[in-house]
Amino acid sequence: MEQNITATPVASDNTATVESSQVQETLKQVRHHLYQVMAPNWKSGYVTEKVMYQLMSNRLGYEFSIENVASVEEGRAAYRWAQYFNKMFEDERQIMSNW
C-alpha cells in the first residue's frame, strides 16, 4: 500500500518578518515622498500645515495624515492631490507676484 503524501509549503516566521519589514520600508519611503511634496507649501508660508492637511482630507474623503498612510495605493492618491495643490499654489504665487 503506497501513501501519497505531499508536503505543503508553510511560510516560516522569518519569511513573514522579512516581508513585513519590506512593507514597512516601502511605506516609510511613500510617507517620505509625500512629505517632500507637501512640506514646501507650508514651509514657504503660503498655507499653514493645518490648512494643507484640511485640503487633503477634504479631497481624499477621510482625515488625512502622512503618518497614517497604510498602503501604497493610498499614498499614490495622496501624492496626486499633493501635486495638484502644489501646482495650484504655484500658479497663485505667480499671479500674485505679477501684481
PDB file of N, CA and C in Angstrom:
ATOM      1  N   MET A   1       0.838  -1.165   0.000  1.00  0.00           N
ATOM      2  CA  MET A   1       0.000   0.000   0.000  1.00  0.00           C
ATOM      3  C   MET A   1       0.891   1.239   0.000  1.00  0.00           C
ATOM      4  N   GLU A   2       0.737   2.051  -1.015  1.00  0.00           N
ATOM      5  CA  GLU A   2       1.536   3.272  -1.123  1.00  0.00           C
ATOM      6  C   GLU A   2       0.733   4.453  -0.592  1.00  0.00           C
ATOM      7  N   GLN A   3       1.451   5.305   0.108  1.00  0.00           N
ATOM      8  CA  GLN A   3       0.803   6.502   0.608  1.00  0.00           C
ATOM      9  C   GLN A   3       1.247   7.683  -0.252  1.00  0.00           C
ATOM     10  N   ASN A   4       0.307   8.468  -0.638  1.00  0.00           N
ATOM     11  CA  ASN A   4       0.592   9.641  -1.455  1.00  0.00           C
ATOM     12  C   ASN A   4       0.634  10.850  -0.522  1.00  0.00           C
ATOM     13  N   ILE A   5       1.828  11.206  -0.102  1.00  0.00           N
ATOM     14  CA  ILE A   5       1.994  12.308   0.841  1.00  0.00           C
ATOM     15  C   ILE A   5       2.678  13.460   0.120  1.00  0.00           C
ATOM     16  N   THR A   6       2.055  14.605   0.153  1.00  0.00           N
ATOM     17  CA  THR A   6       2.670  15.794  -0.443  1.00  0.00           C
ATOM     18  C   THR A   6       2.879  16.824   0.649  1.00  0.00           C
ATOM     19  N   ALA A   7       4.015  17.428   0.598  1.00  0.00           N
ATOM     20  CA  ALA A   7       4.324  18.457   1.590  1.00  0.00           C
ATOM     21  C   ALA A   7       3.762  19.785   1.124  1.00  0.00           C
ATOM     22  N   THR A   8       3.095  20.451   2.004  1.00  0.00           N
ATOM     23  CA  THR A   8       2.595  21.782   1.679  1.00  0.00           C
ATOM     24  C   THR A   8       3.552  22.804   2.262  1.00  0.00           C
ATOM     25  N   PRO A   9       3.965  23.750   1.428  1.00  0.00           N
ATOM     26  CA  PRO A   9       4.910  24.745   1.934  1.00  0.00           C
ATOM     27  C   PRO A   9       4.247  25.631   2.985  1.00  0.00           C
ATOM     28  N   VAL A  10       4.967  25.836   4.036  1.00  0.00           N
ATOM     29  CA  VAL A  10       4.490  26.691   5.120  1.00  0.00           C
ATOM     30  C   VAL A  10       5.474  27.839   5.256  1.00  0.00           C
ATOM     31  N   ALA A  11       4.968  29.051   5.269  1.00  0.00           N
ATOM     32  CA  ALA A  11       5.834  30.218   5.423  1.00  0.00           C
ATOM     33  C   ALA A  11       6.382  30.244   6.842  1.00  0.00           C
ATOM     34  N   SER A  12       7.660  30.369   6.917  1.00  0.00           N
ATOM     35  CA  SER A  12       8.269  30.435   8.240  1.00  0.00           C
ATOM     36  C   SER A  12       8.058  31.827   8.833  1.00  0.00           C
ATOM     37  N   ASP A  13       8.232  31.929  10.120  1.00  0.00           N
ATOM     38  CA  ASP A  13       8.094  33.225  10.789  1.00  0.00           C
ATOM     39  C   ASP A  13       9.119  34.216  10.271  1.00  0.00           C
ATOM     40  N   ASN A  14      10.291  33.702   9.905  1.00  0.00           N
ATOM     41  CA  ASN A  14      11.349  34.569   9.388  1.00  0.00           C
ATOM     42  C   ASN A  14      10.939  35.200   8.057  1.00  0.00           C
ATOM     43  N   THR A  15      10.303  34.423   7.182  1.00  0.00           N
ATOM     44  CA  THR A  15       9.845  34.945   5.895  1.00  0.00           C
ATOM     45  C   THR A  15       8.794  36.028   6.104  1.00  0.00           C
ATOM     46  N   ALA A  16       7.872  35.782   7.009  1.00  0.00           N
ATOM     47  CA  ALA A  16       6.826  36.771   7.293  1.00  0.00           C
ATOM     48  C   ALA A  16       7.435  38.047   7.855  1.00  0.00           C
ATOM     49  N   THR A  17       8.444  37.912   8.683  1.00  0.00           N
ATOM     50  CA  THR A  17       9.106  39.084   9.265  1.00  0.00           C
ATOM     51  C   THR A  17       9.819  39.892   8.196  1.00  0.00           C
ATOM     52  N   VAL A  18      10.480  39.204   7.267  1.00  0.00           N
ATOM     53  CA  VAL A  18      11.178  39.892   6.180  1.00  0.00           C
ATOM     54  C   VAL A  18      10.186  40.633   5.307  1.00  0.00           C
ATOM     55  N   GLU A  19       9.071  39.980   4.952  1.00  0.00           N
ATOM     56  CA  GLU A  19       8.049  40.629   4.128  1.00  0.00           C
ATOM     57  C   GLU A  19       7.456  41.829   4.854  1.00  0.00           C
ATOM     58  N   SER A  20       7.205  41.686   6.135  1.00  0.00           N
ATOM     59  CA  SER A  20       6.650  42.783   6.920  1.00  0.00           C
ATOM     60  C   SER A  20       7.616  43.963   6.969  1.00  0.00           C
ATOM     61  N   SER A  21       8.884  43.688   7.140  1.00  0.00           N
ATOM     62  CA  SER A  21       9.855  44.781   7.189  1.00  0.00           C
ATOM     63  C   SER A  21       9.998  45.451   5.829  1.00  0.00           C
ATOM     64  N   GLN A  22       9.842  44.687   4.746  1.00  0.00           N
ATOM     65  CA  GLN A  22       9.884  45.275   3.407  1.00  0.00           C
ATOM     66  C   GLN A  22       8.688  46.185   3.183  1.00  0.00           C
ATOM     67  N   VAL A  23       7.530  45.759   3.639  1.00  0.00           N
ATOM     68  CA  VAL A  23       6.322  46.576   3.518  1.00  0.00           C
ATOM     69  C   VAL A  23       6.492  47.856   4.324  1.00  0.00           C
ATOM     70  N   GLN A  24       6.995  47.732   5.531  1.00  0.00           N
ATOM     71  CA  GLN A  24       7.195  48.908   6.378  1.00  0.00           C
ATOM     72  C   GLN A  24       8.193  49.877   5.755  1.00  0.00           C
ATOM     73  N   GLU A  25       9.253  49.352   5.156  1.00  0.00           N
ATOM     74  CA  GLU A  25      10.244  50.207   4.500  1.00  0.00           C
ATOM     75  C   GLU A  25       9.634  50.916   3.290  1.00  0.00           C
ATOM     76  N   THR A  26       8.808  50.204   2.525  1.00  0.00           N
ATOM     77  CA  THR A  26       8.132  50.813   1.379  1.00  0.00           C
ATOM     78  C   THR A  26       7.211  51.929   1.839  1.00  0.00           C
ATOM     79  N   LEU A  27       6.431  51.691   2.885  1.00  0.00           N
ATOM     80  CA  LEU A  27       5.524  52.717   3.406  1.00  0.00           C
ATOM     81  C   LEU A  27       6.306  53.904   3.953  1.00  0.00           C
ATOM     82  N   LYS A  28       7.440  53.649   4.547  1.00  0.00           N
ATOM     83  CA  LYS A  28       8.285  54.739   5.032  1.00  0.00           C
ATOM     84  C   LYS A  28       8.736  55.616   3.871  1.00  0.00           C
ATOM     85  N   GLN A  29       9.098  54.997   2.754  1.00  0.00           N
ATOM     86  CA  GLN A  29       9.508  55.756   1.572  1.00  0.00           C
ATOM     87  C   GLN A  29       8.338  56.536   0.984  1.00  0.00           C
ATOM     88  N   VAL A  30       7.161  55.917   0.951  1.00  0.00           N
ATOM     89  CA  VAL A  30       5.959  56.593   0.448  1.00  0.00           C
ATOM     90  C   VAL A  30       5.675  57.835   1.295  1.00  0.00           C
ATOM     91  N   ARG A  31       5.723  57.681   2.605  1.00  0.00           N
ATOM     92  CA  ARG A  31       5.468  58.819   3.506  1.00  0.00           C
ATOM     93  C   ARG A  31       6.509  59.915   3.346  1.00  0.00           C
ATOM     94  N   HIS A  32       7.756  59.517   3.146  1.00  0.00           N
ATOM     95  CA  HIS A  32       8.829  60.490   2.943  1.00  0.00           C
ATOM     96  C   HIS A  32       8.588  61.302   1.667  1.00  0.00           C
ATOM     97  N   HIS A  33       8.199  60.629   0.599  1.00  0.00           N
ATOM     98  CA  HIS A  33       7.927  61.329  -0.660  1.00  0.00           C
ATOM     99  C   HIS A  33       6.737  62.280  -0.514  1.00  0.00           C
ATOM    100  N   LEU A  34       5.713  61.841   0.207  1.00  0.00           N
ATOM    101  CA  LEU A  34       4.565  62.722   0.439  1.00  0.00           C
ATOM    102  C   LEU A  34       4.986  63.969   1.192  1.00  0.00           C
ATOM    103  N   TYR A  35       5.804  63.795   2.210  1.00  0.00           N
ATOM    104  CA  TYR A  35       6.279  64.947   2.980  1.00  0.00           C
ATOM    105  C   TYR A  35       7.068  65.895   2.085  1.00  0.00           C
ATOM    106  N   GLN A  36       7.925  65.342   1.228  1.00  0.00           N
ATOM    107  CA  GLN A  36       8.725  66.177   0.333  1.00  0.00           C
ATOM    108  C   GLN A  36       7.847  66.989  -0.619  1.00  0.00           C
ATOM    109  N   VAL A  37       6.727  66.431  -1.020  1.00  0.00           N
ATOM    110  CA  VAL A  37       5.832  67.140  -1.938  1.00  0.00           C
ATOM    111  C   VAL A  37       4.998  68.174  -1.199  1.00  0.00           C
ATOM    112  N   MET A  38       4.545  67.846   0.009  1.00  0.00           N
ATOM    113  CA  MET A  38       3.626  68.731   0.720  1.00  0.00           C
ATOM    114  C   MET A  38       4.320  69.839   1.510  1.00  0.00           C
ATOM    115  N   ALA A  39       5.452  69.560   2.093  1.00  0.00           N
ATOM    116  CA  ALA A  39       6.112  70.495   3.009  1.00  0.00           C
ATOM    117  C   ALA A  39       6.452  71.854   2.409  1.00  0.00           C
ATOM    118  N   PRO A  40       6.880  71.952   1.145  1.00  0.00           N
ATOM    119  CA  PRO A  40       7.211  73.282   0.627  1.00  0.00           C
ATOM    120  C   PRO A  40       6.067  74.285   0.710  1.00  0.00           C
ATOM    121  N   ASN A  41       4.826  73.797   0.680  1.00  0.00           N
ATOM    122  CA  ASN A  41       3.682  74.709   0.754  1.00  0.00           C
ATOM    123  C   ASN A  41       3.600  75.404   2.104  1.00  0.00           C
ATOM    124  N   TRP A  42       3.773  74.678   3.187  1.00  0.00           N
ATOM    125  CA  TRP A  42       3.697  75.334   4.496  1.00  0.00           C
ATOM    126  C   TRP A  42       5.034  75.925   4.917  1.00  0.00           C
ATOM    127  N   LYS A  43       6.120  75.403   4.393  1.00  0.00           N
ATOM    128  CA  LYS A  43       7.414  75.989   4.723  1.00  0.00           C
ATOM    129  C   LYS A  43       7.599  77.347   4.051  1.00  0.00           C
ATOM    130  N   SER A  44       6.957  77.532   2.915  1.00  0.00           N
ATOM    131  CA  SER A  44       7.049  78.816   2.228  1.00  0.00           C
ATOM    132  C   SER A  44       6.169  79.863   2.899  1.00  0.00           C
ATOM    133  N   GLY A  45       5.270  79.408   3.765  1.00  0.00           N
ATOM    134  CA  GLY A  45       4.377  80.332   4.441  1.00  0.00           C
ATOM    135  C   GLY A  45       3.129  80.647   3.637  1.00  0.00           C
ATOM    136  N   TYR A  46       2.986  80.014   2.482  1.00  0.00           N
ATOM    137  CA  TYR A  46       1.819  80.305   1.657  1.00  0.00           C
ATOM    138  C   TYR A  46       0.543  79.770   2.294  1.00  0.00           C
ATOM    139  N   VAL A  47       0.604  78.571   2.842  1.00  0.00           N
ATOM    140  CA  VAL A  47      -0.506  77.995   3.612  1.00  0.00           C
ATOM    141  C   VAL A  47       0.088  77.392   4.873  1.00  0.00           C
ATOM    142  N   THR A  48      -0.753  77.171   5.867  1.00  0.00           N
ATOM    143  CA  THR A  48      -0.264  76.511   7.071  1.00  0.00           C
ATOM    144  C   THR A  48      -0.343  74.998   6.875  1.00  0.00           C
ATOM    145  N   GLU A  49       0.373  74.299   7.708  1.00  0.00           N
ATOM    146  CA  GLU A  49       0.343  72.838   7.652  1.00  0.00           C
ATOM    147  C   GLU A  49      -1.080  72.334   7.906  1.00  0.00           C
ATOM    148  N   LYS A  50      -1.752  72.975   8.837  1.00  0.00           N
ATOM    149  CA  LYS A  50      -3.127  72.581   9.175  1.00  0.00           C
ATOM    150  C   LYS A  50      -4.051  72.727   7.963  1.00  0.00           C
ATOM    151  N   VAL A  51      -3.923  73.846   7.254  1.00  0.00           N
ATOM    152  CA  VAL A  51      -4.762  74.067   6.076  1.00  0.00           C
ATOM    153  C   VAL A  51      -4.451  73.027   4.994  1.00  0.00           C
ATOM    154  N   MET A  52      -3.181  72.718   4.807  1.00  0.00           N
ATOM    155  CA  MET A  52      -2.801  71.726   3.806  1.00  0.00           C
ATOM    156  C   MET A  52      -3.414  70.370   4.128  1.00  0.00           C
ATOM    157  N   TYR A  53      -3.363  69.980   5.397  1.00  0.00           N
ATOM    158  CA  TYR A  53      -3.966  68.708   5.803  1.00  0.00           C
ATOM    159  C   TYR A  53      -5.490  68.741   5.651  1.00  0.00           C
ATOM    160  N   GLN A  54      -6.110  69.895   5.912  1.00  0.00           N
ATOM    161  CA  GLN A  54      -7.560  70.006   5.730  1.00  0.00           C
ATOM    162  C   GLN A  54      -7.930  69.864   4.251  1.00  0.00           C
ATOM    163  N   LEU A  55      -7.154  70.487   3.373  1.00  0.00           N
ATOM    164  CA  LEU A  55      -7.405  70.366   1.937  1.00  0.00           C
ATOM    165  C   LEU A  55      -7.275  68.914   1.483  1.00  0.00           C
ATOM    166  N   MET A  56      -6.214  68.261   1.935  1.00  0.00           N
ATOM    167  CA  MET A  56      -6.006  66.863   1.570  1.00  0.00           C
ATOM    168  C   MET A  56      -7.139  65.986   2.103  1.00  0.00           C
ATOM    169  N   SER A  57      -7.546  66.213   3.343  1.00  0.00           N
ATOM    170  CA  SER A  57      -8.629  65.428   3.941  1.00  0.00           C
ATOM    171  C   SER A  57      -9.924  65.614   3.172  1.00  0.00           C
ATOM    172  N   ASN A  58     -10.200  66.850   2.783  1.00  0.00           N
ATOM    173  CA  ASN A  58     -11.419  67.145   2.031  1.00  0.00           C
ATOM    174  C   ASN A  58     -11.421  66.395   0.698  1.00  0.00           C
ATOM    175  N   ARG A  59     -10.328  66.410  -0.007  1.00  0.00           N
ATOM    176  CA  ARG A  59     -10.267  65.760  -1.313  1.00  0.00           C
ATOM    177  C   ARG A  59     -10.242  64.242  -1.231  1.00  0.00           C
ATOM    178  N   LEU A  60      -9.577  63.705  -0.213  1.00  0.00           N
ATOM    179  CA  LEU A  60      -9.472  62.250  -0.088  1.00  0.00           C
ATOM    180  C   LEU A  60     -10.701  61.630   0.576  1.00  0.00           C
ATOM    181  N   GLY A  61     -11.456  62.436   1.315  1.00  0.00           N
ATOM    182  CA  GLY A  61     -12.688  61.937   1.916  1.00  0.00           C
ATOM    183  C   GLY A  61     -12.515  61.301   3.284  1.00  0.00           C
ATOM    184  N   TYR A  62     -11.372  61.482   3.900  1.00  0.00           N
ATOM    185  CA  TYR A  62     -11.130  60.981   5.250  1.00  0.00           C
ATOM    186  C   TYR A  62     -10.072  61.855   5.903  1.00  0.00           C
ATOM    187  N   GLU A  63      -9.929  61.732   7.211  1.00  0.00           N
ATOM    188  CA  GLU A  63      -8.962  62.531   7.960  1.00  0.00           C
ATOM    189  C   GLU A  63      -7.554  62.105   7.561  1.00  0.00           C
ATOM    190  N   PHE A  64      -6.903  62.935   6.747  1.00  0.00           N
ATOM    191  CA  PHE A  64      -5.598  62.578   6.200  1.00  0.00           C
ATOM    192  C   PHE A  64      -4.466  62.987   7.127  1.00  0.00           C
ATOM    193  N   SER A  65      -3.492  62.102   7.234  1.00  0.00           N
ATOM    194  CA  SER A  65      -2.247  62.390   7.925  1.00  0.00           C
ATOM    195  C   SER A  65      -1.169  61.540   7.270  1.00  0.00           C
ATOM    196  N   ILE A  66      -0.020  62.120   7.017  1.00  0.00           N
ATOM    197  CA  ILE A  66       1.053  61.373   6.374  1.00  0.00           C
ATOM    198  C   ILE A  66       1.405  60.137   7.200  1.00  0.00           C
ATOM    199  N   GLU A  67       1.432  60.278   8.516  1.00  0.00           N
ATOM    200  CA  GLU A  67       1.812  59.172   9.387  1.00  0.00           C
ATOM    201  C   GLU A  67       0.855  57.991   9.301  1.00  0.00           C
ATOM    202  N   ASN A  68      -0.391  58.243   8.873  1.00  0.00           N
ATOM    203  CA  ASN A  68      -1.399  57.185   8.834  1.00  0.00           C
ATOM    204  C   ASN A  68      -1.576  56.550   7.460  1.00  0.00           C
ATOM    205  N   VAL A  69      -0.725  56.881   6.511  1.00  0.00           N
ATOM    206  CA  VAL A  69      -0.815  56.250   5.191  1.00  0.00           C
ATOM    207  C   VAL A  69      -0.495  54.771   5.363  1.00  0.00           C
ATOM    208  N   ALA A  70      -1.458  53.911   4.993  1.00  0.00           N
ATOM    209  CA  ALA A  70      -1.337  52.484   5.292  1.00  0.00           C
ATOM    210  C   ALA A  70      -1.071  51.618   4.069  1.00  0.00           C
ATOM    211  N   SER A  71      -1.099  52.203   2.870  1.00  0.00           N
ATOM    212  CA  SER A  71      -0.847  51.403   1.674  1.00  0.00           C
ATOM    213  C   SER A  71      -0.226  52.278   0.593  1.00  0.00           C
ATOM    214  N   VAL A  72       0.384  51.612  -0.363  1.00  0.00           N
ATOM    215  CA  VAL A  72       0.983  52.324  -1.482  1.00  0.00           C
ATOM    216  C   VAL A  72      -0.106  53.010  -2.300  1.00  0.00           C
ATOM    217  N   GLU A  73      -1.246  52.355  -2.459  1.00  0.00           N
ATOM    218  CA  GLU A  73      -2.353  52.944  -3.226  1.00  0.00           C
ATOM    219  C   GLU A  73      -2.855  54.224  -2.566  1.00  0.00           C
ATOM    220  N   GLU A  74      -2.991  54.193  -1.260  1.00  0.00           N
ATOM    221  CA  GLU A  74      -3.408  55.383  -0.515  1.00  0.00           C
ATOM    222  C   GLU A  74      -2.372  56.494  -0.681  1.00  0.00           C
ATOM    223  N   GLY A  75      -1.109  56.114  -0.646  1.00  0.00           N
ATOM    224  CA  GLY A  75      -0.030  57.074  -0.845  1.00  0.00           C
ATOM    225  C   GLY A  75      -0.056  57.694  -2.226  1.00  0.00           C
ATOM    226  N   ARG A  76      -0.359  56.880  -3.234  1.00  0.00           N
ATOM    227  CA  ARG A  76      -0.434  57.394  -4.610  1.00  0.00           C
ATOM    228  C   ARG A  76      -1.561  58.410  -4.762  1.00  0.00           C
ATOM    229  N   ALA A  77      -2.710  58.099  -4.181  1.00  0.00           N
ATOM    230  CA  ALA A  77      -3.840  59.032  -4.260  1.00  0.00           C
ATOM    231  C   ALA A  77      -3.490  60.347  -3.572  1.00  0.00           C
ATOM    232  N   ALA A  78      -2.885  60.258  -2.412  1.00  0.00           N
ATOM    233  CA  ALA A  78      -2.489  61.465  -1.680  1.00  0.00           C
ATOM    234  C   ALA A  78      -1.426  62.237  -2.458  1.00  0.00           C
ATOM    235  N   TYR A  79      -0.506  61.535  -3.070  1.00  0.00           N
ATOM    236  CA  TYR A  79       0.564  62.161  -3.844  1.00  0.00           C
ATOM    237  C   TYR A  79      -0.005  62.958  -5.020  1.00  0.00           C
ATOM    238  N   ARG A  80      -0.990  62.368  -5.700  1.00  0.00           N
ATOM    239  CA  ARG A  80      -1.624  63.084  -6.828  1.00  0.00           C
ATOM    240  C   ARG A  80      -2.277  64.380  -6.367  1.00  0.00           C
ATOM    241  N   TRP A  81      -2.994  64.321  -5.232  1.00  0.00           N
ATOM    242  CA  TRP A  81      -3.637  65.537  -4.719  1.00  0.00           C
ATOM    243  C   TRP A  81      -2.606  66.548  -4.239  1.00  0.00           C
ATOM    244  N   ALA A  82      -1.536  66.071  -3.626  1.00  0.00           N
ATOM    245  CA  ALA A  82      -0.483  66.985  -3.167  1.00  0.00           C
ATOM    246  C   ALA A  82       0.146  67.706  -4.352  1.00  0.00           C
ATOM    247  N   GLN A  83       0.379  66.983  -5.437  1.00  0.00           N
ATOM    248  CA  GLN A  83       0.923  67.620  -6.645  1.00  0.00           C
ATOM    249  C   GLN A  83      -0.071  68.626  -7.227  1.00  0.00           C
ATOM    250  N   TYR A  84      -1.348  68.288  -7.192  1.00  0.00           N
ATOM    251  CA  TYR A  84      -2.383  69.199  -7.671  1.00  0.00           C
ATOM    252  C   TYR A  84      -2.340  70.505  -6.876  1.00  0.00           C
ATOM    253  N   PHE A  85      -2.280  70.401  -5.544  1.00  0.00           N
ATOM    254  CA  PHE A  85      -2.234  71.606  -4.715  1.00  0.00           C
ATOM    255  C   PHE A  85      -0.944  72.380  -4.925  1.00  0.00           C
ATOM    256  N   ASN A  86       0.166  71.687  -5.117  1.00  0.00           N
ATOM    257  CA  ASN A  86       1.425  72.380  -5.406  1.00  0.00           C
ATOM    258  C   ASN A  86       1.290  73.223  -6.657  1.00  0.00           C
ATOM    259  N   LYS A  87       0.718  72.659  -7.691  1.00  0.00           N
ATOM    260  CA  LYS A  87       0.537  73.377  -8.958  1.00  0.00           C
ATOM    261  C   LYS A  87      -0.402  74.565  -8.756  1.00  0.00           C
ATOM    262  N   MET A  88      -1.486  74.348  -8.040  1.00  0.00           N
ATOM    263  CA  MET A  88      -2.447  75.418  -7.792  1.00  0.00           C
ATOM    264  C   MET A  88      -1.792  76.565  -7.019  1.00  0.00           C
ATOM    265  N   PHE A  89      -1.055  76.231  -5.960  1.00  0.00           N
ATOM    266  CA  PHE A  89      -0.408  77.266  -5.163  1.00  0.00           C
ATOM    267  C   PHE A  89       0.688  77.978  -5.959  1.00  0.00           C
ATOM    268  N   GLU A  90       1.412  77.238  -6.776  1.00  0.00           N
ATOM    269  CA  GLU A  90       2.461  77.856  -7.596  1.00  0.00           C
ATOM    270  C   GLU A  90       1.846  78.835  -8.596  1.00  0.00           C
ATOM    271  N   ASP A  91       0.737  78.456  -9.215  1.00  0.00           N
ATOM    272  CA  ASP A  91       0.050  79.353 -10.146  1.00  0.00           C
ATOM    273  C   ASP A  91      -0.399  80.628  -9.429  1.00  0.00           C
ATOM    274  N   GLU A  92      -0.958  80.475  -8.224  1.00  0.00           N
ATOM    275  CA  GLU A  92      -1.390  81.641  -7.469  1.00  0.00           C
ATOM    276  C   GLU A  92      -0.219  82.531  -7.077  1.00  0.00           C
ATOM    277  N   ARG A  93       0.902  81.925  -6.700  1.00  0.00           N
ATOM    278  CA  ARG A  93       2.087  82.720  -6.353  1.00  0.00           C
ATOM    279  C   ARG A  93       2.570  83.515  -7.556  1.00  0.00           C
ATOM    280  N   GLN A  94       2.515  82.911  -8.729  1.00  0.00           N
ATOM    281  CA  GLN A  94       2.924  83.596  -9.949  1.00  0.00           C
ATOM    282  C   GLN A  94       2.001  84.774 -10.244  1.00  0.00           C
ATOM    283  N   ILE A  95       0.720  84.574 -10.090  1.00  0.00           N
ATOM    284  CA  ILE A  95      -0.230  85.652 -10.330  1.00  0.00           C
ATOM    285  C   ILE A  95      -0.011  86.796  -9.344  1.00  0.00           C
ATOM    286  N   MET A  96       0.171  86.458  -8.075  1.00  0.00           N
ATOM    287  CA  MET A  96       0.331  87.477  -7.051  1.00  0.00           C
ATOM    288  C   MET A  96       1.660  88.236  -7.216  1.00  0.00           C
ATOM    289  N   SER A  97       2.679  87.556  -7.710  1.00  0.00           N
ATOM    290  CA  SER A  97       3.964  88.225  -7.893  1.00  0.00           C
ATOM    291  C   SER A  97       3.939  89.218  -9.059  1.00  0.00           C
ATOM    292  N   ASN A  98       3.001  89.054  -9.970  1.00  0.00           N
ATOM    293  CA  ASN A  98       2.879  89.959 -11.118  1.00  0.00           C
ATOM    294  C   ASN A  98       2.011  91.161 -10.837  1.00  0.00           C
ATOM    295  N   TRP A  99       1.399  91.241  -9.676  1.00  0.00           N
ATOM    296  CA  TRP A  99       0.525  92.381  -9.356  1.00  0.00           C
ATOM    297  C   TRP A  99       1.324  93.576  -9.056  1.00  0.00           C
TER     298      TRP A  99
END
